[in-house]
Amino acid sequence: FALLQRLAGLRRPVLLKRGPGATVAEWLLAAEYLLAGGNDQVVLCERGIRTFETSTRNTLDLSAVALAKAWTHLPVIVDPSHAAGRPELILPLSLAAAAAGADGILVEMHPHPEDALCDGAQALRPEGLRDLVARLGPVVEAVGRTLWKPSQAARKAAAR
């Protein structure tokens, strides 16, 4: 608990990823520890749990997303890159996460995944990310939400 205690006292944003062996209750209790210590800048991240499955790195637990949304006021994001460990699964898992109510998606992206220093095997290429964003819109709208889009000024700044 020393790390959680330190993070609670920093009053800085914390991305609290669920450990592969943690129950939903343990994950949420860790978040509660941060909140009780005075840090209200907590974002929950589901990134898969350990199961007997061997064809993926972890198993994305979308029921944890739905439970965290029902049981807390905290934003919940999903990391399908680390959950699957396979880039071809990022799109379908992201769409499923959006349908389950996730507030955001965290994905690995690299223009040349084969040259990445880490996580290249689970990274999307830029065109894959563009496709993901395009395909997320209808799913997000179907569940009554909207997809965030950067302002014109932000797009111009990013293009520089």
Foldseek 3Di string as FASTA:
>chain_A
DVVLLVLLVVLDADEQEDEQADDLVRSVVSVVSSVVSHHPRYEYEYEAHDDPDDQFQHAGDLVSVLVCVVPDPHAYEYEPLNHGVAQVCQQVVRLVNLLSPHPYYDYAEDCQLVPDPPSSRSHDYVVSVVVSLVVNQVSNVVNPHGDDDDDPVVVVVVVD
